[in-house]
Amino acid sequence: MTRAAVKKHLTVLSDGGLITVEPRGRERINRLEPKGMAPILDWFSYFDQFWDNRLNNLKKAIERKEK
């Protein structure tokens, strides 16, 4: 992967709030930003509950048909 490609990916992560960048002389220190993951975890949580409800309803429907 080229340096330009790495820079582009890091810029996207930084713009999205997923990492922070700290310049140190000629270096740039990149750190994961846990708070940036909150919207993603919320999104996963929504769909986790959605599918839990759907699959529980399916299970109940199947159990009723078997009786």
PDB file of N, CA and C in Angstrom:
ATOM      1  N   MET A   1       0.858  -1.157   0.000  1.00  0.00           N
ATOM      2  CA  MET A   1       0.000   0.000   0.000  1.00  0.00           C
ATOM      3  C   MET A   1       0.915   1.233   0.000  1.00  0.00           C
ATOM      4  N   THR A   2       0.574   2.210  -0.782  1.00  0.00           N
ATOM      5  CA  THR A   2       1.395   3.412  -0.871  1.00  0.00           C
ATOM      6  C   THR A   2       1.168   4.324   0.329  1.00  0.00           C
ATOM      7  N   ARG A   3       2.119   5.210   0.553  1.00  0.00           N
ATOM      8  CA  ARG A   3       1.957   6.194   1.635  1.00  0.00           C
ATOM      9  C   ARG A   3       0.731   7.062   1.404  1.00  0.00           C
ATOM     10  N   ALA A   4       0.492   7.428   0.153  1.00  0.00           N
ATOM     11  CA  ALA A   4      -0.672   8.263  -0.165  1.00  0.00           C
ATOM     12  C   ALA A   4      -1.967   7.545   0.197  1.00  0.00           C
ATOM     13  N   ALA A   5      -2.028   6.250  -0.069  1.00  0.00           N
ATOM     14  CA  ALA A   5      -3.238   5.477   0.258  1.00  0.00           C
ATOM     15  C   ALA A   5      -3.431   5.394   1.770  1.00  0.00           C
ATOM     16  N   VAL A   6      -2.344   5.164   2.498  1.00  0.00           N
ATOM     17  CA  VAL A   6      -2.424   5.113   3.962  1.00  0.00           C
ATOM     18  C   VAL A   6      -2.893   6.455   4.492  1.00  0.00           C
ATOM     19  N   LYS A   7      -2.328   7.541   3.981  1.00  0.00           N
ATOM     20  CA  LYS A   7      -2.704   8.895   4.417  1.00  0.00           C
ATOM     21  C   LYS A   7      -4.191   9.138   4.161  1.00  0.00           C
ATOM     22  N   LYS A   8      -4.664   8.712   3.000  1.00  0.00           N
ATOM     23  CA  LYS A   8      -6.079   8.894   2.663  1.00  0.00           C
ATOM     24  C   LYS A   8      -6.980   8.143   3.647  1.00  0.00           C
ATOM     25  N   HIS A   9      -6.628   6.890   3.970  1.00  0.00           N
ATOM     26  CA  HIS A   9      -7.422   6.109   4.909  1.00  0.00           C
ATOM     27  C   HIS A   9      -7.397   6.728   6.308  1.00  0.00           C
ATOM     28  N   LEU A  10      -6.218   7.173   6.740  1.00  0.00           N
ATOM     29  CA  LEU A  10      -6.123   7.799   8.061  1.00  0.00           C
ATOM     30  C   LEU A  10      -6.911   9.108   8.117  1.00  0.00           C
ATOM     31  N   THR A  11      -6.931   9.850   7.021  1.00  0.00           N
ATOM     32  CA  THR A  11      -7.710  11.089   6.970  1.00  0.00           C
ATOM     33  C   THR A  11      -9.203  10.794   7.119  1.00  0.00           C
ATOM     34  N   VAL A  12      -9.668   9.755   6.448  1.00  0.00           N
ATOM     35  CA  VAL A  12     -11.080   9.370   6.547  1.00  0.00           C
ATOM     36  C   VAL A  12     -11.417   8.972   7.985  1.00  0.00           C
ATOM     37  N   LEU A  13     -10.551   8.187   8.612  1.00  0.00           N
ATOM     38  CA  LEU A  13     -10.784   7.782  10.003  1.00  0.00           C
ATOM     39  C   LEU A  13     -10.771   8.983  10.939  1.00  0.00           C
ATOM     40  N   SER A  14      -9.871   9.908  10.701  1.00  0.00           N
ATOM     41  CA  SER A  14      -9.785  11.113  11.523  1.00  0.00           C
ATOM     42  C   SER A  14     -11.022  11.986  11.334  1.00  0.00           C
ATOM     43  N   ASP A  15     -11.416  12.190  10.078  1.00  0.00           N
ATOM     44  CA  ASP A  15     -12.613  12.998   9.799  1.00  0.00           C
ATOM     45  C   ASP A  15     -13.861  12.380  10.409  1.00  0.00           C
ATOM     46  N   GLY A  16     -13.891  11.067  10.484  1.00  0.00           N
ATOM     47  CA  GLY A  16     -15.033  10.366  11.067  1.00  0.00           C
ATOM     48  C   GLY A  16     -14.992  10.292  12.586  1.00  0.00           C
ATOM     49  N   GLY A  17     -13.939  10.828  13.191  1.00  0.00           N
ATOM     50  CA  GLY A  17     -13.850  10.830  14.650  1.00  0.00           C
ATOM     51  C   GLY A  17     -13.436   9.488  15.238  1.00  0.00           C
ATOM     52  N   LEU A  18     -12.910   8.593  14.408  1.00  0.00           N
ATOM     53  CA  LEU A  18     -12.537   7.271  14.906  1.00  0.00           C
ATOM     54  C   LEU A  18     -11.101   7.231  15.418  1.00  0.00           C
ATOM     55  N   ILE A  19     -10.275   8.171  14.975  1.00  0.00           N
ATOM     56  CA  ILE A  19      -8.917   8.278  15.486  1.00  0.00           C
ATOM     57  C   ILE A  19      -8.590   9.742  15.747  1.00  0.00           C
ATOM     58  N   THR A  20      -7.596   9.972  16.600  1.00  0.00           N
ATOM     59  CA  THR A  20      -7.045  11.303  16.788  1.00  0.00           C
ATOM     60  C   THR A  20      -5.600  11.265  16.291  1.00  0.00           C
ATOM     61  N   VAL A  21      -5.147  12.398  15.801  1.00  0.00           N
ATOM     62  CA  VAL A  21      -3.807  12.491  15.248  1.00  0.00           C
ATOM     63  C   VAL A  21      -3.046  13.568  16.014  1.00  0.00           C
ATOM     64  N   GLU A  22      -1.884  13.180  16.525  1.00  0.00           N
ATOM     65  CA  GLU A  22      -1.045  14.108  17.281  1.00  0.00           C
ATOM     66  C   GLU A  22       0.293  14.262  16.558  1.00  0.00           C
ATOM     67  N   PRO A  23       0.543  15.451  15.987  1.00  0.00           N
ATOM     68  CA  PRO A  23       1.844  15.657  15.334  1.00  0.00           C
ATOM     69  C   PRO A  23       2.960  15.738  16.379  1.00  0.00           C
ATOM     70  N   ARG A  24       4.062  15.047  16.107  1.00  0.00           N
ATOM     71  CA  ARG A  24       5.260  15.094  16.959  1.00  0.00           C
ATOM     72  C   ARG A  24       6.462  15.244  16.039  1.00  0.00           C
ATOM     73  N   GLY A  25       6.851  16.478  15.788  1.00  0.00           N
ATOM     74  CA  GLY A  25       7.946  16.705  14.856  1.00  0.00           C
ATOM     75  C   GLY A  25       7.556  16.213  13.482  1.00  0.00           C
ATOM     76  N   ARG A  26       8.357  15.307  12.943  1.00  0.00           N
ATOM     77  CA  ARG A  26       8.059  14.756  11.613  1.00  0.00           C
ATOM     78  C   ARG A  26       7.085  13.585  11.676  1.00  0.00           C
ATOM     79  N   GLU A  27       6.781  13.118  12.859  1.00  0.00           N
ATOM     80  CA  GLU A  27       5.871  11.986  13.029  1.00  0.00           C
ATOM     81  C   GLU A  27       4.460  12.458  13.336  1.00  0.00           C
ATOM     82  N   ARG A  28       3.522  11.578  13.073  1.00  0.00           N
ATOM     83  CA  ARG A  28       2.123  11.814  13.455  1.00  0.00           C
ATOM     84  C   ARG A  28       1.663  10.565  14.202  1.00  0.00           C
ATOM     85  N   ILE A  29       1.252  10.745  15.457  1.00  0.00           N
ATOM     86  CA  ILE A  29       0.812   9.633  16.299  1.00  0.00           C
ATOM     87  C   ILE A  29      -0.704   9.502  16.144  1.00  0.00           C
ATOM     88  N   ASN A  30      -1.145   8.331  15.708  1.00  0.00           N
ATOM     89  CA  ASN A  30      -2.568   8.062  15.519  1.00  0.00           C
ATOM     90  C   ASN A  30      -3.060   7.187  16.658  1.00  0.00           C
ATOM     91  N   ARG A  31      -4.157   7.622  17.266  1.00  0.00           N
ATOM     92  CA  ARG A  31      -4.740   6.865  18.379  1.00  0.00           C
ATOM     93  C   ARG A  31      -6.216   6.594  18.105  1.00  0.00           C
ATOM     94  N   LEU A  32      -6.638   5.396  18.482  1.00  0.00           N
ATOM     95  CA  LEU A  32      -8.050   5.033  18.371  1.00  0.00           C
ATOM     96  C   LEU A  32      -8.848   5.904  19.326  1.00  0.00           C
ATOM     97  N   GLU A  33      -9.986   6.395  18.864  1.00  0.00           N
ATOM     98  CA  GLU A  33     -10.860   7.243  19.675  1.00  0.00           C
ATOM     99  C   GLU A  33     -12.126   6.444  20.005  1.00  0.00           C
ATOM    100  N   PRO A  34     -12.192   5.844  21.203  1.00  0.00           N
ATOM    101  CA  PRO A  34     -13.339   4.983  21.545  1.00  0.00           C
ATOM    102  C   PRO A  34     -14.688   5.696  21.426  1.00  0.00           C
ATOM    103  N   LYS A  35     -14.742   6.986  21.751  1.00  0.00           N
ATOM    104  CA  LYS A  35     -16.026   7.700  21.660  1.00  0.00           C
ATOM    105  C   LYS A  35     -16.537   7.751  20.224  1.00  0.00           C
ATOM    106  N   GLY A  36     -15.628   7.685  19.273  1.00  0.00           N
ATOM    107  CA  GLY A  36     -16.029   7.700  17.868  1.00  0.00           C
ATOM    108  C   GLY A  36     -16.774   6.441  17.452  1.00  0.00           C
ATOM    109  N   MET A  37     -16.638   5.385  18.245  1.00  0.00           N
ATOM    110  CA  MET A  37     -17.315   4.126  17.941  1.00  0.00           C
ATOM    111  C   MET A  37     -18.755   4.109  18.435  1.00  0.00           C
ATOM    112  N   ALA A  38     -19.153   5.056  19.253  1.00  0.00           N
ATOM    113  CA  ALA A  38     -20.494   5.050  19.856  1.00  0.00           C
ATOM    114  C   ALA A  38     -21.614   4.975  18.816  1.00  0.00           C
ATOM    115  N   PRO A  39     -21.600   5.786  17.751  1.00  0.00           N
ATOM    116  CA  PRO A  39     -22.691   5.671  16.776  1.00  0.00           C
ATOM    117  C   PRO A  39     -22.738   4.295  16.105  1.00  0.00           C
ATOM    118  N   ILE A  40     -21.589   3.707  15.885  1.00  0.00           N
ATOM    119  CA  ILE A  40     -21.548   2.381  15.265  1.00  0.00           C
ATOM    120  C   ILE A  40     -22.136   1.340  16.218  1.00  0.00           C
ATOM    121  N   LEU A  41     -21.760   1.431  17.487  1.00  0.00           N
ATOM    122  CA  LEU A  41     -22.302   0.494  18.482  1.00  0.00           C
ATOM    123  C   LEU A  41     -23.807   0.678  18.649  1.00  0.00           C
ATOM    124  N   ASP A  42     -24.285   1.921  18.588  1.00  0.00           N
ATOM    125  CA  ASP A  42     -25.729   2.170  18.648  1.00  0.00           C
ATOM    126  C   ASP A  42     -26.434   1.518  17.461  1.00  0.00           C
ATOM    127  N   TRP A  43     -25.829   1.640  16.292  1.00  0.00           N
ATOM    128  CA  TRP A  43     -26.412   1.065  15.081  1.00  0.00           C
ATOM    129  C   TRP A  43     -26.479  -0.454  15.215  1.00  0.00           C
ATOM    130  N   PHE A  44     -25.368  -1.068  15.663  1.00  0.00           N
ATOM    131  CA  PHE A  44     -25.362  -2.515  15.876  1.00  0.00           C
ATOM    132  C   PHE A  44     -26.403  -2.922  16.907  1.00  0.00           C
ATOM    133  N   SER A  45     -26.528  -2.158  17.974  1.00  0.00           N
ATOM    134  CA  SER A  45     -27.476  -2.471  19.033  1.00  0.00           C
ATOM    135  C   SER A  45     -28.904  -2.476  18.498  1.00  0.00           C
ATOM    136  N   TYR A  46     -29.227  -1.486  17.661  1.00  0.00           N
ATOM    137  CA  TYR A  46     -30.567  -1.417  17.078  1.00  0.00           C
ATOM    138  C   TYR A  46     -30.872  -2.695  16.297  1.00  0.00           C
ATOM    139  N   PHE A  47     -29.954  -3.083  15.417  1.00  0.00           N
ATOM    140  CA  PHE A  47     -30.203  -4.260  14.588  1.00  0.00           C
ATOM    141  C   PHE A  47     -30.123  -5.549  15.388  1.00  0.00           C
ATOM    142  N   ASP A  48     -29.340  -5.562  16.448  1.00  0.00           N
ATOM    143  CA  ASP A  48     -29.287  -6.726  17.328  1.00  0.00           C
ATOM    144  C   ASP A  48     -30.662  -6.953  17.952  1.00  0.00           C
ATOM    145  N   GLN A  49     -31.270  -5.891  18.468  1.00  0.00           N
ATOM    146  CA  GLN A  49     -32.616  -5.992  19.055  1.00  0.00           C
ATOM    147  C   GLN A  49     -33.645  -6.336  17.981  1.00  0.00           C
ATOM    148  N   PHE A  50     -33.522  -5.710  16.816  1.00  0.00           N
ATOM    149  CA  PHE A  50     -34.456  -5.955  15.723  1.00  0.00           C
ATOM    150  C   PHE A  50     -34.488  -7.441  15.377  1.00  0.00           C
ATOM    151  N   TRP A  51     -33.299  -8.038  15.169  1.00  0.00           N
ATOM    152  CA  TRP A  51     -33.247  -9.443  14.781  1.00  0.00           C
ATOM    153  C   TRP A  51     -33.605 -10.368  15.931  1.00  0.00           C
ATOM    154  N   ASP A  52     -33.283 -10.001  17.158  1.00  0.00           N
ATOM    155  CA  ASP A  52     -33.716 -10.806  18.303  1.00  0.00           C
ATOM    156  C   ASP A  52     -35.234 -10.899  18.337  1.00  0.00           C
ATOM    157  N   ASN A  53     -35.909  -9.770  18.164  1.00  0.00           N
ATOM    158  CA  ASN A  53     -37.376  -9.751  18.168  1.00  0.00           C
ATOM    159  C   ASN A  53     -37.940 -10.574  17.017  1.00  0.00           C
ATOM    160  N   ARG A  54     -37.387 -10.388  15.820  1.00  0.00           N
ATOM    161  CA  ARG A  54     -37.874 -11.122  14.650  1.00  0.00           C
ATOM    162  C   ARG A  54     -37.702 -12.630  14.826  1.00  0.00           C
ATOM    163  N   LEU A  55     -36.518 -13.026  15.294  1.00  0.00           N
ATOM    164  CA  LEU A  55     -36.259 -14.457  15.443  1.00  0.00           C
ATOM    165  C   LEU A  55     -37.086 -15.065  16.570  1.00  0.00           C
ATOM    166  N   ASN A  56     -37.333 -14.331  17.635  1.00  0.00           N
ATOM    167  CA  ASN A  56     -38.215 -14.821  18.705  1.00  0.00           C
ATOM    168  C   ASN A  56     -39.633 -14.993  18.192  1.00  0.00           C
ATOM    169  N   ASN A  57     -40.105 -14.050  17.387  1.00  0.00           N
ATOM    170  CA  ASN A  57     -41.447 -14.172  16.807  1.00  0.00           C
ATOM    171  C   ASN A  57     -41.530 -15.374  15.877  1.00  0.00           C
ATOM    172  N   LEU A  58     -40.484 -15.602  15.098  1.00  0.00           N
ATOM    173  CA  LEU A  58     -40.451 -16.752  14.202  1.00  0.00           C
ATOM    174  C   LEU A  58     -40.471 -18.051  15.012  1.00  0.00           C
ATOM    175  N   LYS A  59     -39.692 -18.099  16.067  1.00  0.00           N
ATOM    176  CA  LYS A  59     -39.648 -19.286  16.922  1.00  0.00           C
ATOM    177  C   LYS A  59     -41.028 -19.568  17.503  1.00  0.00           C
ATOM    178  N   LYS A  60     -41.716 -18.528  17.996  1.00  0.00           N
ATOM    179  CA  LYS A  60     -43.056 -18.707  18.565  1.00  0.00           C
ATOM    180  C   LYS A  60     -44.031 -19.220  17.506  1.00  0.00           C
ATOM    181  N   ALA A  61     -43.952 -18.677  16.295  1.00  0.00           N
ATOM    182  CA  ALA A  61     -44.849 -19.100  15.221  1.00  0.00           C
ATOM    183  C   ALA A  61     -44.609 -20.562  14.872  1.00  0.00           C
ATOM    184  N   ILE A  62     -43.359 -20.979  14.820  1.00  0.00           N
ATOM    185  CA  ILE A  62     -43.034 -22.361  14.507  1.00  0.00           C
ATOM    186  C   ILE A  62     -43.528 -23.287  15.603  1.00  0.00           C
ATOM    187  N   GLU A  63     -43.324 -22.885  16.858  1.00  0.00           N
ATOM    188  CA  GLU A  63     -43.777 -23.709  17.979  1.00  0.00           C
ATOM    189  C   GLU A  63     -45.288 -23.850  17.991  1.00  0.00           C
ATOM    190  N   ARG A  64     -46.026 -22.795  17.607  1.00  0.00           N
ATOM    191  CA  ARG A  64     -47.498 -22.895  17.547  1.00  0.00           C
ATOM    192  C   ARG A  64     -47.935 -23.863  16.462  1.00  0.00           C
ATOM    193  N   LYS A  65     -47.236 -23.869  15.328  1.00  0.00           N
ATOM    194  CA  LYS A  65     -47.588 -24.762  14.214  1.00  0.00           C
ATOM    195  C   LYS A  65     -47.344 -26.222  14.562  1.00  0.00           C
ATOM    196  N   GLU A  66     -46.320 -26.465  15.410  1.00  0.00           N
ATOM    197  CA  GLU A  66     -45.964 -27.839  15.772  1.00  0.00           C
ATOM    198  C   GLU A  66     -46.970 -28.449  16.730  1.00  0.00           C
ATOM    199  N   LYS A  67     -47.722 -27.645  17.445  1.00  0.00           N
ATOM    200  CA  LYS A  67     -48.663 -28.175  18.462  1.00  0.00           C
ATOM    201  C   LYS A  67     -49.930 -28.671  17.859  1.00  0.00           C
TER     202      LYS A  67
END
